[in-house]
Amino acid sequence: ALTTFSIANDIAKYFAIIPAMFAGIYPSLDRLNVM
């Protein structure tokens, strides 16, 4: 259960960090900043 929870965590953190890192270069990625 905790392994499943841990791996699923990555999805939300992906949507948090990747847009923050690349939106300045690729403005279209700002759409991924759903939060």
PDB file of all heavy atoms in Angstrom:
ATOM      1  N   ALA A   1       0.823  -1.208   0.000  1.00  0.00           N
ATOM      2  CA  ALA A   1       0.000   0.000   0.000  1.00  0.00           C
ATOM      3  C   ALA A   1       0.855   1.256   0.000  1.00  0.00           C
ATOM      4  O   ALA A   1       0.604   2.205  -0.757  1.00  0.00           O
ATOM      5  CB  ALA A   1      -0.929  -0.010   1.216  1.00  0.00           C
ATOM      6  N   LEU A   2       1.890   1.281   0.837  1.00  0.00           N
ATOM      7  CA  LEU A   2       2.732   2.471   0.916  1.00  0.00           C
ATOM      8  C   LEU A   2       3.628   2.612  -0.310  1.00  0.00           C
ATOM      9  O   LEU A   2       3.992   3.729  -0.700  1.00  0.00           O
ATOM     10  CB  LEU A   2       3.564   2.440   2.199  1.00  0.00           C
ATOM     11  CG  LEU A   2       2.758   2.626   3.489  1.00  0.00           C
ATOM     12  CD1 LEU A   2       3.671   2.629   4.704  1.00  0.00           C
ATOM     13  CD2 LEU A   2       1.954   3.912   3.443  1.00  0.00           C
ATOM     14  N   THR A   3       3.994   1.493  -0.934  1.00  0.00           N
ATOM     15  CA  THR A   3       4.740   1.579  -2.190  1.00  0.00           C
ATOM     16  C   THR A   3       3.867   2.205  -3.276  1.00  0.00           C
ATOM     17  O   THR A   3       4.319   3.078  -4.035  1.00  0.00           O
ATOM     18  CB  THR A   3       5.208   0.184  -2.640  1.00  0.00           C
ATOM     19  OG1 THR A   3       6.051  -0.379  -1.630  1.00  0.00           O
ATOM     20  CG2 THR A   3       5.986   0.258  -3.940  1.00  0.00           C
ATOM     21  N   THR A   4       2.614   1.773  -3.342  1.00  0.00           N
ATOM     22  CA  THR A   4       1.671   2.356  -4.304  1.00  0.00           C
ATOM     23  C   THR A   4       1.492   3.846  -4.052  1.00  0.00           C
ATOM     24  O   THR A   4       1.515   4.662  -4.984  1.00  0.00           O
ATOM     25  CB  THR A   4       0.309   1.645  -4.204  1.00  0.00           C
ATOM     26  OG1 THR A   4       0.490   0.245  -4.419  1.00  0.00           O
ATOM     27  CG2 THR A   4      -0.665   2.186  -5.234  1.00  0.00           C
ATOM     28  N   PHE A   5       1.312   4.207  -2.784  1.00  0.00           N
ATOM     29  CA  PHE A   5       1.130   5.621  -2.423  1.00  0.00           C
ATOM     30  C   PHE A   5       2.367   6.431  -2.801  1.00  0.00           C
ATOM     31  O   PHE A   5       2.265   7.541  -3.339  1.00  0.00           O
ATOM     32  CB  PHE A   5       0.859   5.733  -0.920  1.00  0.00           C
ATOM     33  CG  PHE A   5       0.556   7.125  -0.450  1.00  0.00           C
ATOM     34  CD1 PHE A   5      -0.738   7.606  -0.442  1.00  0.00           C
ATOM     35  CD2 PHE A   5       1.568   7.969  -0.007  1.00  0.00           C
ATOM     36  CE1 PHE A   5      -1.026   8.891  -0.014  1.00  0.00           C
ATOM     37  CE2 PHE A   5       1.298   9.248   0.419  1.00  0.00           C
ATOM     38  CZ  PHE A   5      -0.012   9.716   0.419  1.00  0.00           C
ATOM     39  N   SER A   6       3.548   5.873  -2.531  1.00  0.00           N
ATOM     40  CA  SER A   6       4.792   6.598  -2.796  1.00  0.00           C
ATOM     41  C   SER A   6       4.980   6.864  -4.283  1.00  0.00           C
ATOM     42  O   SER A   6       5.326   7.981  -4.692  1.00  0.00           O
ATOM     43  CB  SER A   6       5.981   5.795  -2.253  1.00  0.00           C
ATOM     44  OG  SER A   6       7.204   6.421  -2.550  1.00  0.00           O
ATOM     45  N   ILE A   7       4.748   5.844  -5.110  1.00  0.00           N
ATOM     46  CA  ILE A   7       4.941   6.017  -6.551  1.00  0.00           C
ATOM     47  C   ILE A   7       3.884   6.957  -7.139  1.00  0.00           C
ATOM     48  O   ILE A   7       4.178   7.788  -8.005  1.00  0.00           O
ATOM     49  CB  ILE A   7       4.911   4.649  -7.249  1.00  0.00           C
ATOM     50  CG1 ILE A   7       6.118   3.811  -6.790  1.00  0.00           C
ATOM     51  CG2 ILE A   7       4.911   4.793  -8.760  1.00  0.00           C
ATOM     52  CD1 ILE A   7       6.149   2.403  -7.321  1.00  0.00           C
ATOM     53  N   ALA A   8       2.641   6.840  -6.636  1.00  0.00           N
ATOM     54  CA  ALA A   8       1.578   7.730  -7.118  1.00  0.00           C
ATOM     55  C   ALA A   8       1.859   9.185  -6.759  1.00  0.00           C
ATOM     56  O   ALA A   8       1.414  10.105  -7.463  1.00  0.00           O
ATOM     57  CB  ALA A   8       0.238   7.293  -6.537  1.00  0.00           C
ATOM     58  N   ASN A   9       2.597   9.423  -5.670  1.00  0.00           N
ATOM     59  CA  ASN A   9       2.977  10.778  -5.269  1.00  0.00           C
ATOM     60  C   ASN A   9       3.685  11.532  -6.392  1.00  0.00           C
ATOM     61  O   ASN A   9       3.569  12.754  -6.517  1.00  0.00           O
ATOM     62  CB  ASN A   9       3.940  10.710  -4.072  1.00  0.00           C
ATOM     63  CG  ASN A   9       3.226  10.974  -2.759  1.00  0.00           C
ATOM     64  OD1 ASN A   9       2.442  11.901  -2.654  1.00  0.00           O
ATOM     65  ND2 ASN A   9       3.503  10.154  -1.771  1.00  0.00           N
ATOM     66  N   ASP A  10       4.461  10.783  -7.178  1.00  0.00           N
ATOM     67  CA  ASP A  10       5.290  11.423  -8.198  1.00  0.00           C
ATOM     68  C   ASP A  10       4.459  12.204  -9.212  1.00  0.00           C
ATOM     69  O   ASP A  10       4.927  13.192  -9.780  1.00  0.00           O
ATOM     70  CB  ASP A  10       6.126  10.370  -8.932  1.00  0.00           C
ATOM     71  CG  ASP A  10       7.235   9.814  -8.051  1.00  0.00           C
ATOM     72  OD1 ASP A  10       7.520  10.425  -7.007  1.00  0.00           O
ATOM     73  OD2 ASP A  10       7.801   8.769  -8.412  1.00  0.00           O
ATOM     74  N   ILE A  11       3.231  11.740  -9.454  1.00  0.00           N
ATOM     75  CA  ILE A  11       2.400  12.407 -10.461  1.00  0.00           C
ATOM     76  C   ILE A  11       2.128  13.849 -10.052  1.00  0.00           C
ATOM     77  O   ILE A  11       2.296  14.793 -10.845  1.00  0.00           O
ATOM     78  CB  ILE A  11       1.084  11.627 -10.660  1.00  0.00           C
ATOM     79  CG1 ILE A  11       1.388  10.228 -11.213  1.00  0.00           C
ATOM     80  CG2 ILE A  11       0.142  12.389 -11.582  1.00  0.00           C
ATOM     81  CD1 ILE A  11       0.170   9.353 -11.364  1.00  0.00           C
ATOM     82  N   ALA A  12       1.706  14.052  -8.791  1.00  0.00           N
ATOM     83  CA  ALA A  12       1.404  15.408  -8.327  1.00  0.00           C
ATOM     84  C   ALA A  12       2.662  16.258  -8.288  1.00  0.00           C
ATOM     85  O   ALA A  12       2.640  17.438  -8.676  1.00  0.00           O
ATOM     86  CB  ALA A  12       0.759  15.344  -6.943  1.00  0.00           C
ATOM     87  N   LYS A  13       3.773  15.666  -7.839  1.00  0.00           N
ATOM     88  CA  LYS A  13       5.014  16.444  -7.760  1.00  0.00           C
ATOM     89  C   LYS A  13       5.534  16.786  -9.156  1.00  0.00           C
ATOM     90  O   LYS A  13       6.162  17.831  -9.360  1.00  0.00           O
ATOM     91  CB  LYS A  13       6.049  15.673  -6.933  1.00  0.00           C
ATOM     92  CG  LYS A  13       5.705  15.651  -5.439  1.00  0.00           C
ATOM     93  CD  LYS A  13       6.703  14.877  -4.605  1.00  0.00           C
ATOM     94  CE  LYS A  13       6.501  13.393  -4.694  1.00  0.00           C
ATOM     95  NZ  LYS A  13       7.324  12.637  -3.729  1.00  0.00           N
ATOM     96  N   TYR A  14       5.240  15.926 -10.109  1.00  0.00           N
ATOM     97  CA  TYR A  14       5.602  16.221 -11.503  1.00  0.00           C
ATOM     98  C   TYR A  14       4.859  17.468 -11.974  1.00  0.00           C
ATOM     99  O   TYR A  14       5.453  18.375 -12.579  1.00  0.00           O
ATOM    100  CB  TYR A  14       5.244  15.017 -12.370  1.00  0.00           C
ATOM    101  CG  TYR A  14       5.355  15.256 -13.858  1.00  0.00           C
ATOM    102  CD1 TYR A  14       6.552  15.046 -14.520  1.00  0.00           C
ATOM    103  CD2 TYR A  14       4.249  15.680 -14.597  1.00  0.00           C
ATOM    104  CE1 TYR A  14       6.655  15.264 -15.889  1.00  0.00           C
ATOM    105  CE2 TYR A  14       4.344  15.900 -15.963  1.00  0.00           C
ATOM    106  CZ  TYR A  14       5.546  15.685 -16.599  1.00  0.00           C
ATOM    107  OH  TYR A  14       5.641  15.906 -17.952  1.00  0.00           O
ATOM    108  N   PHE A  15       3.554  17.519 -11.697  1.00  0.00           N
ATOM    109  CA  PHE A  15       2.764  18.682 -12.109  1.00  0.00           C
ATOM    110  C   PHE A  15       3.152  19.939 -11.335  1.00  0.00           C
ATOM    111  O   PHE A  15       2.876  21.054 -11.781  1.00  0.00           O
ATOM    112  CB  PHE A  15       1.267  18.400 -11.914  1.00  0.00           C
ATOM    113  CG  PHE A  15       0.650  17.627 -13.033  1.00  0.00           C
ATOM    114  CD1 PHE A  15       0.500  16.263 -12.944  1.00  0.00           C
ATOM    115  CD2 PHE A  15       0.235  18.269 -14.186  1.00  0.00           C
ATOM    116  CE1 PHE A  15      -0.068  15.542 -13.986  1.00  0.00           C
ATOM    117  CE2 PHE A  15      -0.333  17.555 -15.235  1.00  0.00           C
ATOM    118  CZ  PHE A  15      -0.484  16.183 -15.141  1.00  0.00           C
ATOM    119  N   ALA A  16       3.787  19.795 -10.188  1.00  0.00           N
ATOM    120  CA  ALA A  16       4.211  20.964  -9.415  1.00  0.00           C
ATOM    121  C   ALA A  16       5.540  21.504  -9.905  1.00  0.00           C
ATOM    122  O   ALA A  16       5.715  22.725 -10.055  1.00  0.00           O
ATOM    123  CB  ALA A  16       4.305  20.601  -7.929  1.00  0.00           C
ATOM    124  N   ILE A  17       6.506  20.638 -10.191  1.00  0.00           N
ATOM    125  CA  ILE A  17       7.881  21.082 -10.441  1.00  0.00           C
ATOM    126  C   ILE A  17       8.173  21.317 -11.920  1.00  0.00           C
ATOM    127  O   ILE A  17       8.781  22.330 -12.291  1.00  0.00           O
ATOM    128  CB  ILE A  17       8.873  20.061  -9.858  1.00  0.00           C
ATOM    129  CG1 ILE A  17       8.756  20.049  -8.329  1.00  0.00           C
ATOM    130  CG2 ILE A  17      10.295  20.393 -10.265  1.00  0.00           C
ATOM    131  CD1 ILE A  17       9.706  19.104  -7.643  1.00  0.00           C
ATOM    132  N   ILE A  18       7.756  20.390 -12.787  1.00  0.00           N
ATOM    133  CA  ILE A  18       8.118  20.510 -14.204  1.00  0.00           C
ATOM    134  C   ILE A  18       7.614  21.823 -14.821  1.00  0.00           C
ATOM    135  O   ILE A  18       8.376  22.520 -15.507  1.00  0.00           O
ATOM    136  CB  ILE A  18       7.611  19.290 -15.003  1.00  0.00           C
ATOM    137  CG1 ILE A  18       8.308  18.014 -14.515  1.00  0.00           C
ATOM    138  CG2 ILE A  18       7.853  19.487 -16.495  1.00  0.00           C
ATOM    139  CD1 ILE A  18       9.812  18.021 -14.661  1.00  0.00           C
ATOM    140  N   PRO A  19       6.338  22.214 -14.615  1.00  0.00           N
ATOM    141  CA  PRO A  19       5.914  23.508 -15.170  1.00  0.00           C
ATOM    142  C   PRO A  19       6.726  24.670 -14.607  1.00  0.00           C
ATOM    143  O   PRO A  19       7.039  25.629 -15.318  1.00  0.00           O
ATOM    144  CB  PRO A  19       4.442  23.606 -14.760  1.00  0.00           C
ATOM    145  CG  PRO A  19       4.015  22.199 -14.557  1.00  0.00           C
ATOM    146  CD  PRO A  19       5.210  21.499 -14.006  1.00  0.00           C
ATOM    147  N   ALA A  20       7.078  24.565 -13.295  1.00  0.00           N
ATOM    148  CA  ALA A  20       7.845  25.646 -12.680  1.00  0.00           C
ATOM    149  C   ALA A  20       9.232  25.765 -13.307  1.00  0.00           C
ATOM    150  O   ALA A  20       9.780  26.867 -13.423  1.00  0.00           O
ATOM    151  CB  ALA A  20       7.967  25.402 -11.174  1.00  0.00           C
ATOM    152  N   MET A  21       9.789  24.663 -13.738  1.00  0.00           N
ATOM    153  CA  MET A  21      11.137  24.670 -14.291  1.00  0.00           C
ATOM    154  C   MET A  21      11.173  25.100 -15.753  1.00  0.00           C
ATOM    155  O   MET A  21      12.107  25.770 -16.201  1.00  0.00           O
ATOM    156  CB  MET A  21      11.765  23.273 -14.147  1.00  0.00           C
ATOM    157  CG  MET A  21      11.975  22.826 -12.709  1.00  0.00           C
ATOM    158  SD  MET A  21      12.577  21.135 -12.600  1.00  0.00           S
ATOM    159  CE  MET A  21      14.153  21.273 -13.397  1.00  0.00           C
ATOM    160  N   PHE A  22      10.149  24.732 -16.543  1.00  0.00           N
ATOM    161  CA  PHE A  22      10.239  24.917 -17.990  1.00  0.00           C
ATOM    162  C   PHE A  22       9.247  25.914 -18.574  1.00  0.00           C
ATOM    163  O   PHE A  22       9.306  26.215 -19.760  1.00  0.00           O
ATOM    164  CB  PHE A  22      10.038  23.567 -18.692  1.00  0.00           C
ATOM    165  CG  PHE A  22      11.205  22.648 -18.563  1.00  0.00           C
ATOM    166  CD1 PHE A  22      11.202  21.635 -17.609  1.00  0.00           C
ATOM    167  CD2 PHE A  22      12.314  22.789 -19.382  1.00  0.00           C
ATOM    168  CE1 PHE A  22      12.272  20.783 -17.497  1.00  0.00           C
ATOM    169  CE2 PHE A  22      13.396  21.932 -19.272  1.00  0.00           C
ATOM    170  CZ  PHE A  22      13.383  20.929 -18.321  1.00  0.00           C
ATOM    171  N   ALA A  23       8.316  26.394 -17.761  1.00  0.00           N
ATOM    172  CA  ALA A  23       7.300  27.286 -18.322  1.00  0.00           C
ATOM    173  C   ALA A  23       7.915  28.551 -18.890  1.00  0.00           C
ATOM    174  O   ALA A  23       7.395  29.144 -19.842  1.00  0.00           O
ATOM    175  CB  ALA A  23       6.254  27.626 -17.260  1.00  0.00           C
ATOM    176  N   GLY A  24       9.052  28.990 -18.304  1.00  0.00           N
ATOM    177  CA  GLY A  24       9.706  30.188 -18.819  1.00  0.00           C
ATOM    178  C   GLY A  24      10.268  29.981 -20.204  1.00  0.00           C
ATOM    179  O   GLY A  24      10.361  30.916 -21.005  1.00  0.00           O
ATOM    180  N   ILE A  25      10.685  28.743 -20.498  1.00  0.00           N
ATOM    181  CA  ILE A  25      11.247  28.428 -21.818  1.00  0.00           C
ATOM    182  C   ILE A  25      10.129  28.054 -22.789  1.00  0.00           C
ATOM    183  O   ILE A  25      10.108  28.500 -23.943  1.00  0.00           O
ATOM    184  CB  ILE A  25      12.266  27.281 -21.699  1.00  0.00           C
ATOM    185  CG1 ILE A  25      13.398  27.685 -20.759  1.00  0.00           C
ATOM    186  CG2 ILE A  25      12.806  26.887 -23.066  1.00  0.00           C
ATOM    187  CD1 ILE A  25      14.378  26.582 -20.493  1.00  0.00           C
ATOM    188  N   TYR A  26       9.219  27.218 -22.286  1.00  0.00           N
ATOM    189  CA  TYR A  26       8.090  26.797 -23.103  1.00  0.00           C
ATOM    190  C   TYR A  26       6.803  27.278 -22.430  1.00  0.00           C
ATOM    191  O   TYR A  26       6.234  26.576 -21.590  1.00  0.00           O
ATOM    192  CB  TYR A  26       8.063  25.272 -23.245  1.00  0.00           C
ATOM    193  CG  TYR A  26       9.295  24.692 -23.890  1.00  0.00           C
ATOM    194  CD1 TYR A  26      10.259  24.034 -23.133  1.00  0.00           C
ATOM    195  CD2 TYR A  26       9.490  24.811 -25.266  1.00  0.00           C
ATOM    196  CE1 TYR A  26      11.393  23.498 -23.736  1.00  0.00           C
ATOM    197  CE2 TYR A  26      10.625  24.278 -25.872  1.00  0.00           C
ATOM    198  CZ  TYR A  26      11.571  23.626 -25.098  1.00  0.00           C
ATOM    199  OH  TYR A  26      12.699  23.107 -25.688  1.00  0.00           O
ATOM    200  N   PRO A  27       6.335  28.475 -22.755  1.00  0.00           N
ATOM    201  CA  PRO A  27       5.144  29.035 -22.095  1.00  0.00           C
ATOM    202  C   PRO A  27       3.933  28.115 -22.159  1.00  0.00           C
ATOM    203  O   PRO A  27       3.093  28.125 -21.257  1.00  0.00           O
ATOM    204  CB  PRO A  27       4.904  30.336 -22.877  1.00  0.00           C
ATOM    205  CG  PRO A  27       6.248  30.698 -23.406  1.00  0.00           C
ATOM    206  CD  PRO A  27       6.920  29.415 -23.740  1.00  0.00           C
ATOM    207  N   SER A  28       3.860  27.296 -23.179  1.00  0.00           N
ATOM    208  CA  SER A  28       2.699  26.406 -23.286  1.00  0.00           C
ATOM    209  C   SER A  28       2.642  25.390 -22.150  1.00  0.00           C
ATOM    210  O   SER A  28       1.573  24.862 -21.821  1.00  0.00           O
ATOM    211  CB  SER A  28       2.723  25.674 -24.632  1.00  0.00           C
ATOM    212  OG  SER A  28       3.923  24.912 -24.767  1.00  0.00           O
ATOM    213  N   LEU A  29       3.795  25.117 -21.520  1.00  0.00           N
ATOM    214  CA  LEU A  29       3.819  24.158 -20.399  1.00  0.00           C
ATOM    215  C   LEU A  29       3.126  24.713 -19.158  1.00  0.00           C
ATOM    216  O   LEU A  29       2.852  23.969 -18.217  1.00  0.00           O
ATOM    217  CB  LEU A  29       5.261  23.780 -20.053  1.00  0.00           C
ATOM    218  CG  LEU A  29       5.971  22.832 -21.027  1.00  0.00           C
ATOM    219  CD1 LEU A  29       7.399  22.574 -20.563  1.00  0.00           C
ATOM    220  CD2 LEU A  29       5.214  21.528 -21.162  1.00  0.00           C
ATOM    221  N   ASP A  30       2.847  26.036 -19.189  1.00  0.00           N
ATOM    222  CA  ASP A  30       2.152  26.611 -18.031  1.00  0.00           C
ATOM    223  C   ASP A  30       0.758  26.011 -17.862  1.00  0.00           C
ATOM    224  O   ASP A  30       0.180  26.063 -16.778  1.00  0.00           O
ATOM    225  CB  ASP A  30       2.059  28.131 -18.188  1.00  0.00           C
ATOM    226  CG  ASP A  30       1.551  28.803 -16.922  1.00  0.00           C
ATOM    227  OD1 ASP A  30       2.197  28.622 -15.869  1.00  0.00           O
ATOM    228  OD2 ASP A  30       0.490  29.462 -16.982  1.00  0.00           O
ATOM    229  N   ARG A  31       0.246  25.392 -18.926  1.00  0.00           N
ATOM    230  CA  ARG A  31      -1.058  24.732 -18.811  1.00  0.00           C
ATOM    231  C   ARG A  31      -1.008  23.552 -17.842  1.00  0.00           C
ATOM    232  O   ARG A  31      -2.025  23.134 -17.298  1.00  0.00           O
ATOM    233  CB  ARG A  31      -1.505  24.244 -20.186  1.00  0.00           C
ATOM    234  CG  ARG A  31      -1.721  25.360 -21.209  1.00  0.00           C
ATOM    235  CD  ARG A  31      -1.988  24.784 -22.582  1.00  0.00           C
ATOM    236  NE  ARG A  31      -2.083  25.838 -23.600  1.00  0.00           N
ATOM    237  CZ  ARG A  31      -2.187  25.607 -24.907  1.00  0.00           C
ATOM    238  NH1 ARG A  31      -2.182  24.343 -25.352  1.00  0.00           N
ATOM    239  NH2 ARG A  31      -2.271  26.606 -25.766  1.00  0.00           N
ATOM    240  N   LEU A  32       0.206  22.993 -17.674  1.00  0.00           N
ATOM    241  CA  LEU A  32       0.344  21.876 -16.728  1.00  0.00           C
ATOM    242  C   LEU A  32       0.350  22.327 -15.274  1.00  0.00           C
ATOM    243  O   LEU A  32       0.277  21.504 -14.361  1.00  0.00           O
ATOM    244  CB  LEU A  32       1.630  21.098 -17.023  1.00  0.00           C
ATOM    245  CG  LEU A  32       1.709  20.394 -18.380  1.00  0.00           C
ATOM    246  CD1 LEU A  32       3.058  19.714 -18.531  1.00  0.00           C
ATOM    247  CD2 LEU A  32       0.573  19.398 -18.536  1.00  0.00           C
ATOM    248  N   ASN A  33       0.462  23.623 -15.064  1.00  0.00           N
ATOM    249  CA  ASN A  33       0.447  24.151 -13.691  1.00  0.00           C
ATOM    250  C   ASN A  33      -0.994  24.195 -13.193  1.00  0.00           C
ATOM    251  O   ASN A  33      -1.563  25.257 -12.923  1.00  0.00           O
ATOM    252  CB  ASN A  33       1.083  25.544 -13.658  1.00  0.00           C
ATOM    253  CG  ASN A  33       1.212  26.092 -12.240  1.00  0.00           C
ATOM    254  OD1 ASN A  33       1.074  25.354 -11.261  1.00  0.00           O
ATOM    255  ND2 ASN A  33       1.448  27.392 -12.139  1.00  0.00           N
ATOM    256  N   VAL A  34      -1.588  23.006 -13.091  1.00  0.00           N
ATOM    257  CA  VAL A  34      -3.010  22.910 -12.745  1.00  0.00           C
ATOM    258  C   VAL A  34      -3.295  23.388 -11.328  1.00  0.00           C
ATOM    259  O   VAL A  34      -4.421  23.751 -11.003  1.00  0.00           O
ATOM    260  CB  VAL A  34      -3.506  21.460 -12.923  1.00  0.00           C
ATOM    261  CG1 VAL A  34      -3.473  21.064 -14.390  1.00  0.00           C
ATOM    262  CG2 VAL A  34      -2.686  20.496 -12.080  1.00  0.00           C
ATOM    263  N   MET A  35      -2.274  23.389 -10.464  1.00  0.00           N
ATOM    264  CA  MET A  35      -2.473  23.858  -9.088  1.00  0.00           C
ATOM    265  C   MET A  35      -2.339  25.372  -8.981  1.00  0.00           C
ATOM    266  O   MET A  35      -2.591  25.932  -7.922  1.00  0.00           O
ATOM    267  CB  MET A  35      -1.470  23.168  -8.151  1.00  0.00           C
ATOM    268  CG  MET A  35      -1.765  21.699  -7.912  1.00  0.00           C
ATOM    269  SD  MET A  35      -0.576  20.913  -6.799  1.00  0.00           S
ATOM    270  CE  MET A  35       0.702  20.459  -7.948  1.00  0.00           C
TER     271      MET A  35
END
